[in-house]
Amino acid sequence: MDQTLIWLDIGTLDDIPRQGSRVLHRDGGLVPIAVFRTVDDQVFALEDRCPHKGGPLSDGIVHGHRVTCPLHNWVIDLATGGATGPDEGCAGSIPVEVRRGRVVVALTPRSTGGGCHG
């Protein structure tokens, strides 16, 4: 199966509030993508679903390079999508870049985010 990345421009870096997120809804019933901006202007993208009970990570609190799920306070590493501490699980991570002030998210055809890495 061809896993060519499709880069989607979702707007400017300033469209995402610092320590906040923006949600990208995808066609085909796939889990939405939450794109996060940290206080130091780094950008991360995860499936917008906590690995614990499916809470919307985009509604969580961003602190450092982590987000706390609003439902049960699971802390998710934004770089890997992995739960921290004693919790285990992974929100799929999605490749994302800032190019000339524009945020682009990489999508693969008919797939969800990748697994936890590192």
N, C-alpha and C. Protein backbone atom coordinates (compact mmCIF):
# COMPACT_ATOMS: atom_id res chain seq x y z
N MET A 1 0.84 -1.18 0.00
CA MET A 1 0.00 0.00 0.00
C MET A 1 0.89 1.25 0.00
N ASP A 2 0.57 2.21 -0.82
CA ASP A 2 1.33 3.44 -0.91
C ASP A 2 1.10 4.27 0.35
N GLN A 3 2.16 4.58 1.06
CA GLN A 3 2.06 5.38 2.29
C GLN A 3 2.64 6.78 2.08
N THR A 4 2.49 7.33 0.89
CA THR A 4 2.98 8.66 0.59
C THR A 4 2.31 9.68 1.50
N LEU A 5 3.12 10.56 2.06
CA LEU A 5 2.56 11.59 2.92
C LEU A 5 1.92 12.69 2.08
N ILE A 6 0.79 13.14 2.51
CA ILE A 6 0.10 14.26 1.91
C ILE A 6 0.18 15.39 2.93
N TRP A 7 0.84 16.49 2.57
CA TRP A 7 1.00 17.61 3.49
C TRP A 7 -0.16 18.57 3.31
N LEU A 8 -0.86 18.85 4.39
CA LEU A 8 -2.03 19.72 4.38
C LEU A 8 -1.71 21.00 5.15
N ASP A 9 -1.82 22.14 4.48
CA ASP A 9 -1.61 23.44 5.12
C ASP A 9 -2.87 23.77 5.91
N ILE A 10 -2.71 23.98 7.23
CA ILE A 10 -3.89 24.25 8.07
C ILE A 10 -3.94 25.69 8.56
N GLY A 11 -2.99 26.52 8.15
CA GLY A 11 -3.02 27.93 8.56
C GLY A 11 -1.68 28.38 9.09
N THR A 12 -1.69 29.56 9.70
CA THR A 12 -0.46 30.12 10.23
C THR A 12 -0.22 29.65 11.66
N LEU A 13 1.01 29.78 12.10
CA LEU A 13 1.34 29.45 13.48
C LEU A 13 0.49 30.28 14.44
N ASP A 14 0.26 31.54 14.08
CA ASP A 14 -0.53 32.42 14.95
C ASP A 14 -2.01 32.03 15.03
N ASP A 15 -2.47 31.15 14.13
CA ASP A 15 -3.85 30.66 14.20
C ASP A 15 -4.06 29.71 15.38
N ILE A 16 -2.96 29.21 15.94
CA ILE A 16 -3.04 28.30 17.08
C ILE A 16 -2.56 29.07 18.31
N PRO A 17 -3.38 29.20 19.33
CA PRO A 17 -2.95 29.96 20.51
C PRO A 17 -1.81 29.26 21.24
N ARG A 18 -0.90 30.06 21.81
CA ARG A 18 0.16 29.46 22.64
C ARG A 18 -0.49 28.70 23.78
N GLN A 19 0.06 27.54 24.07
CA GLN A 19 -0.46 26.62 25.08
C GLN A 19 -1.91 26.25 24.79
N GLY A 20 -2.22 26.13 23.51
CA GLY A 20 -3.56 25.77 23.09
C GLY A 20 -3.52 24.82 21.92
N SER A 21 -4.67 24.64 21.28
CA SER A 21 -4.75 23.68 20.18
C SER A 21 -5.77 24.11 19.14
N ARG A 22 -5.73 23.44 18.05
CA ARG A 22 -6.71 23.58 16.97
C ARG A 22 -7.05 22.16 16.52
N VAL A 23 -8.30 21.91 16.16
CA VAL A 23 -8.71 20.57 15.76
C VAL A 23 -8.92 20.52 14.26
N LEU A 24 -8.38 19.49 13.65
CA LEU A 24 -8.54 19.24 12.23
C LEU A 24 -9.42 18.00 12.08
N HIS A 25 -10.59 18.17 11.50
CA HIS A 25 -11.51 17.05 11.28
C HIS A 25 -11.22 16.44 9.92
N ARG A 26 -11.16 15.12 9.88
CA ARG A 26 -10.86 14.40 8.65
C ARG A 26 -12.09 13.67 8.15
N ASP A 27 -12.13 13.45 6.84
CA ASP A 27 -13.20 12.68 6.23
C ASP A 27 -13.02 11.19 6.50
N GLY A 28 -14.04 10.44 6.32
CA GLY A 28 -13.94 8.99 6.41
C GLY A 28 -14.06 8.43 7.80
N GLY A 29 -14.53 9.22 8.75
CA GLY A 29 -14.72 8.71 10.10
C GLY A 29 -13.45 8.54 10.90
N LEU A 30 -12.33 9.07 10.40
CA LEU A 30 -11.09 8.97 11.14
C LEU A 30 -11.11 9.91 12.34
N VAL A 31 -10.34 9.58 13.34
CA VAL A 31 -10.24 10.39 14.55
C VAL A 31 -9.70 11.77 14.16
N PRO A 32 -10.31 12.84 14.67
CA PRO A 32 -9.77 14.18 14.40
C PRO A 32 -8.33 14.31 14.90
N ILE A 33 -7.63 15.28 14.36
CA ILE A 33 -6.26 15.56 14.76
C ILE A 33 -6.25 16.83 15.60
N ALA A 34 -5.57 16.79 16.74
CA ALA A 34 -5.37 17.97 17.57
C ALA A 34 -3.96 18.48 17.30
N VAL A 35 -3.85 19.75 16.91
CA VAL A 35 -2.56 20.37 16.66
C VAL A 35 -2.30 21.34 17.80
N PHE A 36 -1.21 21.12 18.51
CA PHE A 36 -0.89 21.87 19.72
C PHE A 36 0.28 22.83 19.47
N ARG A 37 0.23 23.98 20.14
CA ARG A 37 1.34 24.95 20.12
C ARG A 37 1.76 25.18 21.55
N THR A 38 3.05 25.02 21.80
CA THR A 38 3.57 25.22 23.15
C THR A 38 3.95 26.68 23.36
N VAL A 39 4.28 27.02 24.58
CA VAL A 39 4.65 28.40 24.91
C VAL A 39 5.93 28.81 24.16
N ASP A 40 6.78 27.83 23.80
CA ASP A 40 8.01 28.14 23.06
C ASP A 40 7.83 27.97 21.55
N ASP A 41 6.57 27.98 21.10
CA ASP A 41 6.19 27.96 19.68
C ASP A 41 6.55 26.67 18.95
N GLN A 42 6.71 25.57 19.67
CA GLN A 42 6.84 24.28 19.01
C GLN A 42 5.44 23.76 18.73
N VAL A 43 5.32 22.99 17.65
CA VAL A 43 4.02 22.48 17.23
C VAL A 43 4.06 20.96 17.20
N PHE A 44 3.00 20.35 17.71
CA PHE A 44 2.87 18.90 17.75
C PHE A 44 1.45 18.53 17.30
N ALA A 45 1.29 17.33 16.77
CA ALA A 45 -0.04 16.88 16.37
C ALA A 45 -0.25 15.44 16.85
N LEU A 46 -1.42 15.22 17.42
CA LEU A 46 -1.81 13.90 17.93
C LEU A 46 -3.24 13.61 17.51
N GLU A 47 -3.59 12.34 17.49
CA GLU A 47 -5.00 12.01 17.37
C GLU A 47 -5.70 12.63 18.56
N ASP A 48 -6.86 13.21 18.34
CA ASP A 48 -7.58 13.91 19.39
C ASP A 48 -8.40 12.94 20.23
N ARG A 49 -7.68 11.97 20.80
CA ARG A 49 -8.35 10.94 21.60
C ARG A 49 -7.37 10.40 22.63
N CYS A 50 -7.68 10.61 23.88
CA CYS A 50 -6.83 10.09 24.95
C CYS A 50 -6.86 8.57 24.92
N PRO A 51 -5.70 7.92 25.13
CA PRO A 51 -5.68 6.46 25.10
C PRO A 51 -6.41 5.81 26.28
N HIS A 52 -6.77 6.58 27.28
CA HIS A 52 -7.44 6.03 28.45
C HIS A 52 -8.93 5.79 28.18
N LYS A 53 -9.70 6.85 28.00
CA LYS A 53 -11.15 6.72 27.81
C LYS A 53 -11.64 7.53 26.62
N GLY A 54 -10.71 7.95 25.76
CA GLY A 54 -11.10 8.64 24.53
C GLY A 54 -11.42 10.11 24.68
N GLY A 55 -11.02 10.71 25.78
CA GLY A 55 -11.28 12.14 25.98
C GLY A 55 -10.62 13.01 24.93
N PRO A 56 -11.19 14.18 24.64
CA PRO A 56 -10.63 15.07 23.63
C PRO A 56 -9.39 15.80 24.14
N LEU A 57 -8.23 15.38 23.69
CA LEU A 57 -6.99 16.00 24.15
C LEU A 57 -6.93 17.49 23.80
N SER A 58 -7.61 17.88 22.73
CA SER A 58 -7.63 19.29 22.33
C SER A 58 -8.27 20.19 23.39
N ASP A 59 -9.07 19.62 24.28
CA ASP A 59 -9.68 20.38 25.37
C ASP A 59 -8.83 20.36 26.63
N GLY A 60 -7.67 19.70 26.57
CA GLY A 60 -6.80 19.57 27.73
C GLY A 60 -5.93 20.80 27.96
N ILE A 61 -5.17 20.74 29.04
CA ILE A 61 -4.27 21.83 29.40
C ILE A 61 -2.87 21.50 28.91
N VAL A 62 -2.31 22.40 28.10
CA VAL A 62 -0.96 22.24 27.58
C VAL A 62 0.01 22.84 28.59
N HIS A 63 1.02 22.06 28.99
CA HIS A 63 2.04 22.52 29.92
C HIS A 63 3.36 21.91 29.49
N GLY A 64 4.33 22.78 29.24
CA GLY A 64 5.59 22.30 28.69
C GLY A 64 5.33 21.64 27.35
N HIS A 65 5.80 20.41 27.18
CA HIS A 65 5.57 19.65 25.95
C HIS A 65 4.65 18.47 26.24
N ARG A 66 3.66 18.74 27.09
CA ARG A 66 2.67 17.72 27.46
C ARG A 66 1.29 18.34 27.48
N VAL A 67 0.28 17.46 27.42
CA VAL A 67 -1.10 17.90 27.55
C VAL A 67 -1.77 16.98 28.56
N THR A 68 -2.60 17.57 29.42
CA THR A 68 -3.35 16.79 30.40
C THR A 68 -4.78 16.63 29.90
N CYS A 69 -5.22 15.39 29.80
CA CYS A 69 -6.57 15.09 29.33
C CYS A 69 -7.59 15.69 30.28
N PRO A 70 -8.64 16.31 29.75
CA PRO A 70 -9.64 16.95 30.62
C PRO A 70 -10.55 15.96 31.36
N LEU A 71 -10.58 14.70 30.95
CA LEU A 71 -11.49 13.76 31.62
C LEU A 71 -10.93 13.16 32.90
N HIS A 72 -9.73 12.58 32.82
CA HIS A 72 -9.20 11.87 33.99
C HIS A 72 -7.75 12.22 34.30
N ASN A 73 -7.31 13.36 33.77
CA ASN A 73 -5.99 13.91 34.09
C ASN A 73 -4.80 13.06 33.66
N TRP A 74 -4.97 12.23 32.64
CA TRP A 74 -3.82 11.54 32.10
C TRP A 74 -2.93 12.57 31.42
N VAL A 75 -1.62 12.42 31.57
CA VAL A 75 -0.67 13.35 30.96
C VAL A 75 -0.04 12.66 29.76
N ILE A 76 -0.14 13.32 28.60
CA ILE A 76 0.33 12.77 27.33
C ILE A 76 1.49 13.60 26.82
N ASP A 77 2.58 12.93 26.46
CA ASP A 77 3.74 13.59 25.87
C ASP A 77 3.40 14.02 24.45
N LEU A 78 3.55 15.30 24.15
CA LEU A 78 3.17 15.80 22.83
C LEU A 78 4.09 15.29 21.72
N ALA A 79 5.34 15.03 22.03
CA ALA A 79 6.28 14.57 20.99
C ALA A 79 6.03 13.14 20.56
N THR A 80 5.62 12.29 21.51
CA THR A 80 5.46 10.86 21.19
C THR A 80 4.02 10.39 21.19
N GLY A 81 3.15 11.10 21.90
CA GLY A 81 1.78 10.65 22.07
C GLY A 81 1.62 9.67 23.22
N GLY A 82 2.72 9.34 23.87
CA GLY A 82 2.69 8.35 24.94
C GLY A 82 2.24 8.93 26.27
N ALA A 83 1.50 8.12 27.02
CA ALA A 83 1.11 8.49 28.38
C ALA A 83 2.35 8.49 29.26
N THR A 84 2.38 9.39 30.23
CA THR A 84 3.54 9.49 31.12
C THR A 84 3.21 8.91 32.49
N GLY A 85 4.25 8.77 33.30
CA GLY A 85 4.07 8.26 34.65
C GLY A 85 3.68 6.80 34.65
N PRO A 86 2.85 6.42 35.59
CA PRO A 86 2.47 5.01 35.65
C PRO A 86 1.45 4.61 34.58
N ASP A 87 0.84 5.61 33.92
CA ASP A 87 -0.17 5.31 32.92
C ASP A 87 0.48 4.77 31.65
N GLU A 88 -0.24 3.93 30.92
CA GLU A 88 0.27 3.36 29.68
C GLU A 88 -0.75 3.50 28.58
N GLY A 89 -0.28 3.82 27.41
CA GLY A 89 -1.14 3.99 26.25
C GLY A 89 -0.56 5.03 25.33
N CYS A 90 -1.16 5.17 24.17
CA CYS A 90 -0.61 6.08 23.18
C CYS A 90 -1.71 6.71 22.34
N ALA A 91 -1.63 8.02 22.20
CA ALA A 91 -2.43 8.74 21.22
C ALA A 91 -1.55 8.83 19.99
N GLY A 92 -2.04 8.41 18.85
CA GLY A 92 -1.20 8.39 17.65
C GLY A 92 -0.61 9.76 17.34
N SER A 93 0.68 9.80 17.10
CA SER A 93 1.34 11.06 16.75
C SER A 93 1.29 11.25 15.24
N ILE A 94 1.20 12.49 14.82
CA ILE A 94 1.07 12.86 13.42
C ILE A 94 2.21 13.79 13.06
N PRO A 95 2.92 13.56 11.95
CA PRO A 95 3.98 14.49 11.55
C PRO A 95 3.41 15.89 11.30
N VAL A 96 4.10 16.90 11.81
CA VAL A 96 3.68 18.29 11.64
C VAL A 96 4.93 19.15 11.56
N GLU A 97 4.88 20.20 10.75
CA GLU A 97 6.00 21.11 10.59
C GLU A 97 5.49 22.54 10.46
N VAL A 98 6.37 23.49 10.75
CA VAL A 98 6.09 24.89 10.47
C VAL A 98 7.03 25.27 9.33
N ARG A 99 6.44 25.72 8.23
CA ARG A 99 7.19 26.12 7.05
C ARG A 99 6.85 27.56 6.71
N ARG A 100 7.84 28.43 6.86
CA ARG A 100 7.64 29.86 6.58
C ARG A 100 6.41 30.42 7.29
N GLY A 101 6.26 30.04 8.55
CA GLY A 101 5.15 30.54 9.35
C GLY A 101 3.82 29.83 9.15
N ARG A 102 3.79 28.85 8.25
CA ARG A 102 2.58 28.07 7.97
C ARG A 102 2.71 26.70 8.62
N VAL A 103 1.63 26.21 9.21
CA VAL A 103 1.61 24.90 9.84
C VAL A 103 1.09 23.89 8.82
N VAL A 104 1.87 22.83 8.61
CA VAL A 104 1.46 21.77 7.70
C VAL A 104 1.47 20.44 8.45
N VAL A 105 0.43 19.67 8.22
CA VAL A 105 0.25 18.37 8.87
C VAL A 105 0.36 17.30 7.80
N ALA A 106 1.12 16.24 8.09
CA ALA A 106 1.28 15.14 7.13
C ALA A 106 0.24 14.07 7.38
N LEU A 107 -0.44 13.70 6.31
CA LEU A 107 -1.44 12.65 6.39
C LEU A 107 -1.05 11.53 5.44
N THR A 108 -1.34 10.30 5.82
CA THR A 108 -1.17 9.18 4.91
C THR A 108 -2.56 8.76 4.47
N PRO A 109 -2.72 8.37 3.23
CA PRO A 109 -4.04 7.95 2.78
C PRO A 109 -4.59 6.79 3.60
N ARG A 110 -5.84 6.93 4.04
CA ARG A 110 -6.57 5.87 4.76
C ARG A 110 -5.85 5.35 5.98
N SER A 111 -5.20 6.23 6.71
CA SER A 111 -4.54 5.77 7.91
C SER A 111 -4.80 6.73 9.06
N THR A 112 -4.53 6.26 10.23
CA THR A 112 -4.60 7.09 11.41
C THR A 112 -3.17 7.44 11.78
N GLY A 113 -3.00 8.06 12.90
CA GLY A 113 -1.66 8.48 13.34
C GLY A 113 -0.77 7.30 13.62
N GLY A 114 0.50 7.61 13.75
CA GLY A 114 1.49 6.60 14.05
C GLY A 114 1.48 6.22 15.51
N GLY A 115 2.24 5.21 15.83
CA GLY A 115 2.34 4.76 17.20
C GLY A 115 3.29 5.62 17.99
N CYS A 116 3.48 5.26 19.24
CA CYS A 116 4.42 6.00 20.09
C CYS A 116 5.84 5.64 19.69
N HIS A 117 6.67 6.67 19.68
CA HIS A 117 8.07 6.47 19.33
C HIS A 117 8.91 7.18 20.37
N GLY A 118 9.98 6.52 20.79
CA GLY A 118 10.95 7.15 21.68
C GLY A 118 10.42 7.41 22.99
